[in-house]
Amino acid sequence: MATISRERIVYLGDDPCGLDFSNVAISGGNVVMGVWGRDAETGEPTADAEAAAGGFDPAAIVARVDACHPNVKAYAKDDVPDRYKYKENVRIAPVIIAADVGWTICGYESWAGEGDG
């Protein structure tokens, strides 16, 4: 297991990534994060972009994450490399974000440390 320092945390909601987490649901975190749209009516996570609130656009999220930091990679579910064996299940999010070894991902810097204890 790699040691992580605070200098190796990528905050996806802060600059330069600037992802808007208000209309998405997050699963996982730290090294691998799943991003789901939120159903406009129920607020529940959904893979259905048509039902999602706020114009959930997996391709736009992937492009934004890939452009914002060299140590973080995003994939649309169908584009996850086969070697990961991580795309055939309905429980896999429409967008997968993965940090390189020695790096971690978090939503916002203000979230860092939540849940410690």
C-alpha atoms as a PDB file:
ATOM      1  CA  MET A   1       0.000   0.000   0.000  1.00  0.00           C
ATOM      2  CA  ALA A   2       1.328   3.438  -0.930  1.00  0.00           C
ATOM      3  CA  THR A   3       1.683   6.244   1.587  1.00  0.00           C
ATOM      4  CA  ILE A   4      -0.402   9.307   0.698  1.00  0.00           C
ATOM      5  CA  SER A   5       0.578  12.860   1.594  1.00  0.00           C
ATOM      6  CA  ARG A   6      -1.748  15.881   1.584  1.00  0.00           C
ATOM      7  CA  GLU A   7       0.175  17.191  -1.438  1.00  0.00           C
ATOM      8  CA  ARG A   8      -1.048  14.163  -3.404  1.00  0.00           C
ATOM      9  CA  ILE A   9      -4.779  14.702  -2.960  1.00  0.00           C
ATOM     10  CA  VAL A  10      -6.709  15.819  -6.033  1.00  0.00           C
ATOM     11  CA  TYR A  11      -9.855  17.773  -5.103  1.00  0.00           C
ATOM     12  CA  LEU A  12     -12.160  17.205  -8.060  1.00  0.00           C
ATOM     13  CA  GLY A  13     -14.661  19.918  -7.075  1.00  0.00           C
ATOM     14  CA  ASP A  14     -12.007  22.607  -6.668  1.00  0.00           C
ATOM     15  CA  ASP A  15      -9.804  24.232  -9.324  1.00  0.00           C
ATOM     16  CA  PRO A  16      -8.509  23.154 -11.761  1.00  0.00           C
ATOM     17  CA  CYS A  17     -11.077  20.335 -12.107  1.00  0.00           C
ATOM     18  CA  GLY A  18     -14.143  22.249 -10.932  1.00  0.00           C
ATOM     19  CA  LEU A  19     -16.631  19.380 -11.056  1.00  0.00           C
ATOM     20  CA  ASP A  20     -20.139  20.257  -9.852  1.00  0.00           C
ATOM     21  CA  PHE A  21     -21.244  17.637  -7.334  1.00  0.00           C
ATOM     22  CA  SER A  22     -24.688  19.158  -6.718  1.00  0.00           C
ATOM     23  CA  ASN A  23     -26.579  16.895  -9.151  1.00  0.00           C
ATOM     24  CA  VAL A  24     -24.529  13.708  -8.906  1.00  0.00           C
ATOM     25  CA  ALA A  25     -24.164  10.849  -6.461  1.00  0.00           C
ATOM     26  CA  ILE A  26     -20.731   9.530  -5.558  1.00  0.00           C
ATOM     27  CA  SER A  27     -19.783   5.974  -4.670  1.00  0.00           C
ATOM     28  CA  GLY A  28     -16.393   4.984  -3.380  1.00  0.00           C
ATOM     29  CA  GLY A  29     -13.624   7.515  -3.171  1.00  0.00           C
ATOM     30  CA  ASN A  30      -9.986   7.805  -2.159  1.00  0.00           C
ATOM     31  CA  VAL A  31      -8.557   5.848  -5.100  1.00  0.00           C
ATOM     32  CA  VAL A  32     -11.577   4.875  -7.233  1.00  0.00           C
ATOM     33  CA  MET A  33     -14.750   6.953  -7.368  1.00  0.00           C
ATOM     34  CA  GLY A  34     -18.001   6.216  -9.186  1.00  0.00           C
ATOM     35  CA  VAL A  35     -20.139   9.107 -10.429  1.00  0.00           C
ATOM     36  CA  TRP A  36     -23.876   8.663 -10.992  1.00  0.00           C
ATOM     37  CA  GLY A  37     -26.519  11.113 -12.122  1.00  0.00           C
ATOM     38  CA  ARG A  38     -29.356  11.848  -9.676  1.00  0.00           C
ATOM     39  CA  ASP A  39     -32.904  11.108 -10.770  1.00  0.00           C
ATOM     40  CA  ALA A  40     -34.679  14.451 -11.224  1.00  0.00           C
ATOM     41  CA  GLU A  41     -37.797  13.220  -9.416  1.00  0.00           C
ATOM     42  CA  THR A  42     -36.505  10.962  -6.645  1.00  0.00           C
ATOM     43  CA  GLY A  43     -32.957  12.210  -6.095  1.00  0.00           C
ATOM     44  CA  GLU A  44     -31.752   8.605  -6.172  1.00  0.00           C
ATOM     45  CA  PRO A  45     -28.606   7.667  -8.127  1.00  0.00           C
ATOM     46  CA  THR A  46     -29.313   6.704 -11.733  1.00  0.00           C
ATOM     47  CA  ALA A  47     -27.323   5.607 -14.767  1.00  0.00           C
ATOM     48  CA  ASP A  48     -30.092   6.974 -17.025  1.00  0.00           C
ATOM     49  CA  ALA A  49     -28.836  10.321 -18.352  1.00  0.00           C
ATOM     50  CA  GLU A  50     -32.345  11.161 -19.586  1.00  0.00           C
ATOM     51  CA  ALA A  51     -33.831  10.828 -16.087  1.00  0.00           C
ATOM     52  CA  ALA A  52     -30.955  12.606 -14.369  1.00  0.00           C
ATOM     53  CA  ALA A  53     -31.246  16.126 -13.034  1.00  0.00           C
ATOM     54  CA  GLY A  54     -28.997  18.915 -14.221  1.00  0.00           C
ATOM     55  CA  GLY A  55     -28.046  17.454 -17.583  1.00  0.00           C
ATOM     56  CA  PHE A  56     -25.818  14.609 -16.346  1.00  0.00           C
ATOM     57  CA  ASP A  57     -23.263  14.138 -19.133  1.00  0.00           C
ATOM     58  CA  PRO A  58     -20.777  11.297 -18.526  1.00  0.00           C
ATOM     59  CA  ALA A  59     -18.643  12.249 -21.556  1.00  0.00           C
ATOM     60  CA  ALA A  60     -18.267  15.832 -20.302  1.00  0.00           C
ATOM     61  CA  ILE A  61     -17.246  14.625 -16.832  1.00  0.00           C
ATOM     62  CA  VAL A  62     -14.654  12.265 -18.325  1.00  0.00           C
ATOM     63  CA  ALA A  63     -13.209  15.028 -20.528  1.00  0.00           C
ATOM     64  CA  ARG A  64     -13.058  17.515 -17.658  1.00  0.00           C
ATOM     65  CA  VAL A  65     -11.316  15.108 -15.261  1.00  0.00           C
ATOM     66  CA  ASP A  66      -8.844  13.893 -17.883  1.00  0.00           C
ATOM     67  CA  ALA A  67      -7.878  17.501 -18.651  1.00  0.00           C
ATOM     68  CA  CYS A  68      -7.528  18.675 -15.056  1.00  0.00           C
ATOM     69  CA  HIS A  69      -4.814  16.499 -13.502  1.00  0.00           C
ATOM     70  CA  PRO A  70      -2.148  14.135 -14.890  1.00  0.00           C
ATOM     71  CA  ASN A  71      -2.454  11.674 -11.973  1.00  0.00           C
ATOM     72  CA  VAL A  72      -6.185  11.066 -12.301  1.00  0.00           C
ATOM     73  CA  LYS A  73      -7.975   9.229 -15.122  1.00  0.00           C
ATOM     74  CA  ALA A  74     -11.699   9.057 -15.828  1.00  0.00           C
ATOM     75  CA  TYR A  75     -13.562   6.491 -17.909  1.00  0.00           C
ATOM     76  CA  ALA A  76     -17.086   6.186 -19.182  1.00  0.00           C
ATOM     77  CA  LYS A  77     -18.308   2.774 -17.971  1.00  0.00           C
ATOM     78  CA  ASP A  78     -18.126   1.219 -21.446  1.00  0.00           C
ATOM     79  CA  ASP A  79     -14.555   2.486 -21.913  1.00  0.00           C
ATOM     80  CA  VAL A  80     -13.023   1.016 -18.752  1.00  0.00           C
ATOM     81  CA  PRO A  81     -10.100  -1.144 -19.933  1.00  0.00           C
ATOM     82  CA  ASP A  82     -10.988  -4.850 -20.044  1.00  0.00           C
ATOM     83  CA  ARG A  83      -7.975  -5.714 -17.868  1.00  0.00           C
ATOM     84  CA  TYR A  84      -9.767  -4.090 -14.905  1.00  0.00           C
ATOM     85  CA  LYS A  85     -12.804  -6.379 -15.288  1.00  0.00           C
ATOM     86  CA  TYR A  86     -14.862  -3.504 -13.975  1.00  0.00           C
ATOM     87  CA  LYS A  87     -17.651  -2.659 -16.389  1.00  0.00           C
ATOM     88  CA  GLU A  88     -20.023  -5.587 -16.796  1.00  0.00           C
ATOM     89  CA  ASN A  89     -22.077  -5.116 -13.622  1.00  0.00           C
ATOM     90  CA  VAL A  90     -25.154  -2.889 -13.229  1.00  0.00           C
ATOM     91  CA  ARG A  91     -23.672  -1.632  -9.941  1.00  0.00           C
ATOM     92  CA  ILE A  92     -20.781   0.048 -11.752  1.00  0.00           C
ATOM     93  CA  ALA A  93     -21.289   3.813 -12.110  1.00  0.00           C
ATOM     94  CA  PRO A  94     -21.580   5.503 -15.530  1.00  0.00           C
ATOM     95  CA  VAL A  95     -18.286   7.326 -14.808  1.00  0.00           C
ATOM     96  CA  ILE A  96     -15.283   5.813 -13.035  1.00  0.00           C
ATOM     97  CA  ILE A  97     -12.498   8.080 -11.783  1.00  0.00           C
ATOM     98  CA  ALA A  98      -9.221   6.486 -10.684  1.00  0.00           C
ATOM     99  CA  ALA A  99      -6.127   7.982  -9.070  1.00  0.00           C
ATOM    100  CA  ASP A 100      -2.601   6.814  -9.837  1.00  0.00           C
ATOM    101  CA  VAL A 101      -0.674   4.848  -7.210  1.00  0.00           C
ATOM    102  CA  GLY A 102       0.392   7.243  -4.470  1.00  0.00           C
ATOM    103  CA  TRP A 103      -2.470   9.682  -5.167  1.00  0.00           C
ATOM    104  CA  THR A 104      -5.986  10.009  -3.802  1.00  0.00           C
ATOM    105  CA  ILE A 105      -9.163  11.795  -4.900  1.00  0.00           C
ATOM    106  CA  CYS A 106     -11.714  13.766  -2.921  1.00  0.00           C
ATOM    107  CA  GLY A 107     -14.630  16.026  -3.818  1.00  0.00           C
ATOM    108  CA  TYR A 108     -13.599  19.319  -2.235  1.00  0.00           C
ATOM    109  CA  GLU A 109     -10.751  20.326   0.040  1.00  0.00           C
ATOM    110  CA  SER A 110     -13.384  21.177   2.656  1.00  0.00           C
ATOM    111  CA  TRP A 111     -14.388  17.479   2.652  1.00  0.00           C
ATOM    112  CA  ALA A 112     -10.873  16.295   3.524  1.00  0.00           C
ATOM    113  CA  GLY A 113     -10.823  14.652   6.906  1.00  0.00           C
ATOM    114  CA  GLU A 114     -14.582  14.070   7.101  1.00  0.00           C
ATOM    115  CA  GLY A 115     -15.182  10.675   8.580  1.00  0.00           C
ATOM    116  CA  ASP A 116     -11.764  10.495  10.230  1.00  0.00           C
ATOM    117  CA  GLY A 117     -11.846   9.042  13.637  1.00  0.00           C
END
